[in-house]
């Protein structure tokens, strides 16, 4: 099916008004003689790596294959995000239930027991007095704590420091590095397989990351490669690439199948 005919059918099956208008604009741009990648870029609604990957497919004559790989990439990216959300739901639920239980105890149960304890006519142990005192300050303390936590979270996110803290955290750090490694490898494999040159592929990937220190890592990698360094040796300076991934990259360089090596890294 010619691409213009395929695009003409897509708006009729789209129920999202924004997507429908974008598809119509892409269709009109292609009908005016623009390439598919140019039409996607001019729409202003498509990520840079997407239309630049399709441009590589246009240059190599493999647009259908590139579109298939892009669809697989988006499915895997969504599956990875869903897995992260699912992994965080249970701990968040346990913490919420525990916090709610503590709130009920301190705000409703302990105040009623306070009169019973005072009826004994004896001096209460300090630990009991401390717990009873918590019932008075629990709600104000909770409100202040939530306010400070929210302010800290928003400030760190604005400054771009939140990702750096997660990167250095004992348990979350490995999780964060693995996420970055998989995303980087999957994108690079896709771009190289589509015929995009290595340095151009790294420039595209740099734009897809929002975190400043990850952008700096990729810029440093590009600079080292431009200076004539080998890819595997340049990766030694990247903290989120583990030793097994570097070994696979060495194999990919020696066999001339770098895209296959990064595909394997992303899959593992």
Protein backbone atom coordinates (compact mmCIF):
# COMPACT_ATOMS: atom_id res chain seq x y z
CA UNK A 1 0.00 0.00 0.00
CA UNK A 2 1.50 3.41 -0.95
CA UNK A 3 2.24 5.59 2.07
CA UNK A 4 -0.14 8.38 1.02
CA UNK A 5 -3.04 5.93 0.71
CA UNK A 6 -2.16 4.41 4.10
CA UNK A 7 -2.13 7.86 5.71
CA UNK A 8 -5.51 8.73 4.19
CA UNK A 9 -7.14 5.86 6.07
CA UNK A 10 -5.65 6.57 9.50
CA UNK A 11 -7.60 9.76 10.43
CA UNK A 12 -10.93 7.98 9.84
CA UNK A 13 -10.20 5.39 12.55
CA UNK A 14 -8.70 7.80 15.12
CA UNK A 15 -10.97 8.78 18.02
CA UNK A 16 -8.44 11.22 19.53
CA UNK A 17 -9.07 14.73 18.06
CA UNK A 18 -5.45 15.83 18.54
CA UNK A 19 -4.06 12.71 16.88
CA UNK A 20 -6.59 13.00 14.08
CA UNK A 21 -5.59 16.59 13.27
CA UNK A 22 -1.91 15.63 13.36
CA UNK A 23 -2.50 12.73 10.96
CA UNK A 24 -4.37 15.01 8.58
CA UNK A 25 -1.51 17.54 8.62
CA UNK A 26 1.02 14.76 7.97
CA UNK A 27 -1.12 13.44 5.11
CA UNK A 28 -1.40 16.90 3.56
CA UNK A 29 2.35 17.47 3.85
CA UNK A 30 3.11 14.15 2.11
CA UNK A 31 0.57 14.93 -0.62
CA UNK A 32 2.43 18.22 -1.25
CA UNK A 33 5.61 16.27 -1.96
CA UNK A 34 7.33 16.24 1.41
CA UNK A 35 8.93 13.07 2.64
CA UNK A 36 7.28 11.13 5.47
CA UNK A 37 10.01 12.14 7.95
CA UNK A 38 9.70 15.83 6.95
CA UNK A 39 5.92 15.66 7.38
CA UNK A 40 6.30 14.18 10.87
CA UNK A 41 8.86 16.82 11.83
CA UNK A 42 6.69 19.70 10.60
CA UNK A 43 3.74 18.41 12.65
CA UNK A 44 5.57 19.37 15.85
CA UNK A 45 3.96 16.46 17.69
CA UNK A 46 6.52 13.70 17.12
CA UNK A 47 9.78 13.17 19.10
CA UNK A 48 13.00 13.92 17.22
CA UNK A 49 14.34 10.38 17.44
CA UNK A 50 11.16 9.11 15.76
CA UNK A 51 11.24 11.14 12.55
CA UNK A 52 15.05 11.04 12.35
CA UNK A 53 14.95 7.25 12.59
CA UNK A 54 12.40 7.20 9.77
CA UNK A 55 14.69 9.51 7.79
CA UNK A 56 17.44 6.90 8.16
CA UNK A 57 14.99 4.29 6.89
CA UNK A 58 14.15 6.49 3.90
CA UNK A 59 17.84 6.81 3.03
CA UNK A 60 18.36 3.04 3.26
CA UNK A 61 15.03 2.10 1.63
CA UNK A 62 13.79 0.25 4.74
CA UNK A 63 10.90 2.42 5.96
CA UNK A 64 8.51 -0.52 6.64
CA UNK A 65 11.18 -2.32 8.67
CA UNK A 66 11.98 0.86 10.58
CA UNK A 67 8.30 1.47 11.37
CA UNK A 68 8.00 -2.09 12.64
CA UNK A 69 11.05 -1.63 14.86
CA UNK A 70 9.70 1.69 16.14
CA UNK A 71 6.40 0.07 17.08
CA UNK A 72 8.27 -2.66 18.97
CA UNK A 73 10.40 -0.01 20.68
CA UNK A 74 7.33 1.91 21.85
CA UNK A 75 5.68 -1.28 23.13
CA UNK A 76 8.82 -2.27 25.06
CA UNK A 77 9.25 1.26 26.44
CA UNK A 78 5.66 1.25 27.68
CA UNK A 79 6.10 -2.25 29.13
CA UNK A 80 9.22 -1.09 30.99
CA UNK A 81 7.41 1.95 32.44
CA UNK A 82 4.49 -0.27 33.44
CA UNK A 83 6.86 -2.69 35.17
CA UNK A 84 8.40 0.19 37.13
CA UNK A 85 4.96 1.45 38.15
CA UNK A 86 3.87 -2.05 39.19
CA UNK A 87 7.06 -2.52 41.21
CA UNK A 88 6.41 0.70 43.13
CA UNK A 89 2.68 0.18 43.74
CA UNK A 90 3.02 -2.49 46.44
CA UNK A 91 5.58 -0.63 48.62
CA UNK A 92 3.54 2.57 48.26
CA UNK A 93 0.37 0.71 49.27
CA UNK A 94 2.05 -0.82 52.36
CA UNK A 95 3.44 2.56 53.44
CA UNK A 96 0.07 4.25 52.93
CA UNK A 97 -1.78 1.61 54.97
CA UNK A 98 0.82 1.77 57.75
CA UNK A 99 0.68 5.54 57.86
CA UNK A 100 -3.13 5.51 57.87
CA UNK A 101 -3.16 2.94 60.69
CA UNK A 102 -0.75 5.05 62.72
CA UNK A 103 -2.94 8.10 62.14
CA UNK A 104 -6.10 6.31 63.33
CA UNK A 105 -4.32 5.04 66.44
CA UNK A 106 -2.81 8.39 67.43
CA UNK A 107 -5.83 10.55 66.56
CA UNK A 108 -8.75 8.39 67.74
CA UNK A 109 -7.67 5.39 69.83
CA UNK A 110 -4.99 6.91 72.08
CA UNK A 111 -7.02 9.97 73.16
CA UNK A 112 -9.77 7.65 74.47
CA UNK A 113 -7.23 5.54 76.36
CA UNK A 114 -5.65 8.65 77.84
CA UNK A 115 -8.54 9.10 80.32
CA UNK A 116 -8.32 5.47 81.36
CA UNK A 117 -4.61 5.76 82.11
CA UNK A 118 -5.06 8.97 84.13
CA UNK A 119 -7.74 7.22 86.22
CA UNK A 120 -5.09 4.89 87.64
CA UNK A 121 -3.81 7.74 89.82
CA UNK A 122 -0.17 6.79 89.22
CA UNK A 123 2.61 8.44 87.26
CA UNK A 124 2.82 6.99 83.77
CA UNK A 125 6.13 5.75 82.32
CA UNK A 126 7.82 8.27 80.05
CA UNK A 127 7.40 6.12 76.97
CA UNK A 128 3.63 5.91 77.57
CA UNK A 129 3.43 9.67 78.12
CA UNK A 130 5.42 10.26 74.95
CA UNK A 131 3.09 8.06 72.87
CA UNK A 132 0.02 9.77 74.33
CA UNK A 133 1.57 13.15 73.53
CA UNK A 134 1.95 12.12 69.93
CA UNK A 135 -1.83 12.16 69.52
CA UNK A 136 -1.85 15.95 69.98
CA UNK A 137 0.86 16.72 67.47
CA UNK A 138 0.34 14.01 64.87
CA UNK A 139 -1.82 15.99 62.44
CA UNK A 140 0.28 19.23 62.57
CA UNK A 141 3.49 17.20 62.32
CA UNK A 142 2.13 15.24 59.36
CA UNK A 143 1.07 18.40 57.56
CA UNK A 144 4.50 19.99 58.07
CA UNK A 145 6.26 16.78 56.99
CA UNK A 146 4.20 16.48 53.80
CA UNK A 147 4.78 20.15 53.02
CA UNK A 148 8.56 19.87 53.47
CA UNK A 149 8.69 16.64 51.45
CA UNK A 150 6.65 18.16 48.59
CA UNK A 151 8.78 21.34 48.56
CA UNK A 152 12.00 19.29 48.55
CA UNK A 153 10.75 17.05 45.74
CA UNK A 154 9.66 19.97 43.55
CA UNK A 155 12.91 21.89 44.20
CA UNK A 156 15.10 18.92 43.38
CA UNK A 157 13.13 18.22 40.23
CA UNK A 158 13.42 21.82 39.04
CA UNK A 159 17.16 21.83 39.67
CA UNK A 160 17.58 18.43 37.98
CA UNK A 161 19.10 16.96 41.14
CA UNK A 162 16.43 14.33 41.81
CA UNK A 163 17.75 11.97 39.15
CA UNK A 164 21.31 12.42 40.46
CA UNK A 165 20.16 11.48 43.97
CA UNK A 166 18.38 8.39 42.63
CA UNK A 167 21.50 7.56 40.62
CA UNK A 168 23.66 7.48 43.77
CA UNK A 169 21.11 5.79 46.06
CA UNK A 170 22.15 2.29 47.30
CA UNK A 171 19.23 0.24 45.93
CA UNK A 172 17.42 2.65 43.61
CA UNK A 173 20.73 3.58 41.96
CA UNK A 174 21.14 0.14 40.34
CA UNK A 175 17.51 0.23 39.25
CA UNK A 176 17.94 3.71 37.74
CA UNK A 177 21.17 2.77 35.95
CA UNK A 178 19.51 -0.31 34.49
CA UNK A 179 16.62 1.77 33.18
CA UNK A 180 19.00 4.28 31.54
CA UNK A 181 21.16 1.49 30.08
CA UNK A 182 18.18 -0.31 28.55
CA UNK A 183 16.69 2.85 27.09
CA UNK A 184 20.02 4.04 25.66
CA UNK A 185 20.84 0.63 24.16
CA UNK A 186 17.38 0.12 22.66
CA UNK A 187 17.40 3.54 21.00
CA UNK A 188 20.97 3.20 19.71
CA UNK A 189 20.29 -0.26 18.29
CA UNK A 190 17.20 1.02 16.51
CA UNK A 191 18.96 4.06 15.04
CA UNK A 192 22.02 2.11 13.87
CA UNK A 193 19.83 -0.58 12.33
CA UNK A 194 17.94 2.16 10.49
CA UNK A 195 21.13 3.40 8.87
CA UNK A 196 21.73 6.49 11.04
CA UNK A 197 25.49 7.19 11.51
CA UNK A 198 26.83 6.57 15.02
CA UNK A 199 27.60 10.18 15.98
CA UNK A 200 24.26 11.37 14.59
CA UNK A 201 22.52 8.60 16.52
CA UNK A 202 24.17 9.73 19.76
CA UNK A 203 23.09 13.33 19.08
CA UNK A 204 19.50 12.14 18.65
CA UNK A 205 19.62 10.07 21.84
CA UNK A 206 21.04 13.01 23.79
CA UNK A 207 17.88 14.99 23.01
CA UNK A 208 15.64 12.24 24.38
CA UNK A 209 17.13 12.44 27.90
CA UNK A 210 15.98 15.24 30.20
CA UNK A 211 18.64 14.82 32.89
CA UNK A 212 21.67 17.10 32.55
CA UNK A 213 24.37 14.67 33.76
CA UNK A 214 23.12 11.94 31.38
CA UNK A 215 23.33 14.45 28.53
CA UNK A 216 26.89 15.24 29.64
CA UNK A 217 27.77 11.53 29.58
CA UNK A 218 26.54 11.20 26.00
CA UNK A 219 28.27 14.42 24.93
CA UNK A 220 31.52 13.12 26.43
CA UNK A 221 31.02 9.84 24.59
CA UNK A 222 30.54 11.69 21.30
CA UNK A 223 33.64 13.81 21.88
CA UNK A 224 35.77 10.73 22.62
CA UNK A 225 34.49 8.96 19.50
CA UNK A 226 35.07 12.06 17.35
CA UNK A 227 38.66 12.13 18.65
CA UNK A 228 39.19 8.60 17.33
CA UNK A 229 38.58 6.49 20.42
CA UNK A 230 36.98 3.06 20.24
CA UNK A 231 33.39 2.79 21.39
CA UNK A 232 34.03 0.14 24.01
CA UNK A 233 36.96 2.08 25.48
CA UNK A 234 34.91 5.30 25.56
CA UNK A 235 32.18 3.48 27.46
CA UNK A 236 34.59 2.84 30.36
CA UNK A 237 33.87 6.39 31.53
CA UNK A 238 30.09 5.84 31.55
CA UNK A 239 28.99 4.78 35.02
CA UNK A 240 25.63 3.29 33.97
CA UNK A 241 27.18 0.79 31.53
CA UNK A 242 28.15 -2.41 33.36
CA UNK A 243 31.03 -4.75 32.53
CA UNK A 244 28.86 -7.29 30.69
CA UNK A 245 27.47 -4.55 28.44
CA UNK A 246 30.98 -3.31 27.66
CA UNK A 247 32.03 -6.85 26.77
CA UNK A 248 29.12 -7.15 24.36
CA UNK A 249 30.08 -3.81 22.77
CA UNK A 250 33.66 -5.08 22.29
CA UNK A 251 32.26 -8.12 20.51
CA UNK A 252 30.01 -5.93 18.38
CA UNK A 253 32.93 -3.74 17.34
CA UNK A 254 35.08 -6.72 16.39
CA UNK A 255 32.33 -8.38 14.36
CA UNK A 256 30.90 -5.20 12.84
CA UNK A 257 27.50 -5.82 14.47
CA UNK A 258 27.28 -3.00 16.98
CA UNK A 259 23.52 -2.60 16.59
CA UNK A 260 23.01 -6.31 17.41
CA UNK A 261 25.16 -5.94 20.55
CA UNK A 262 23.10 -3.02 21.83
CA UNK A 263 19.91 -4.89 20.99
CA UNK A 264 21.15 -7.75 23.18
CA UNK A 265 22.00 -5.32 25.99
CA UNK A 266 18.52 -3.83 25.84
CA UNK A 267 16.87 -7.26 25.79
CA UNK A 268 18.86 -8.58 28.77
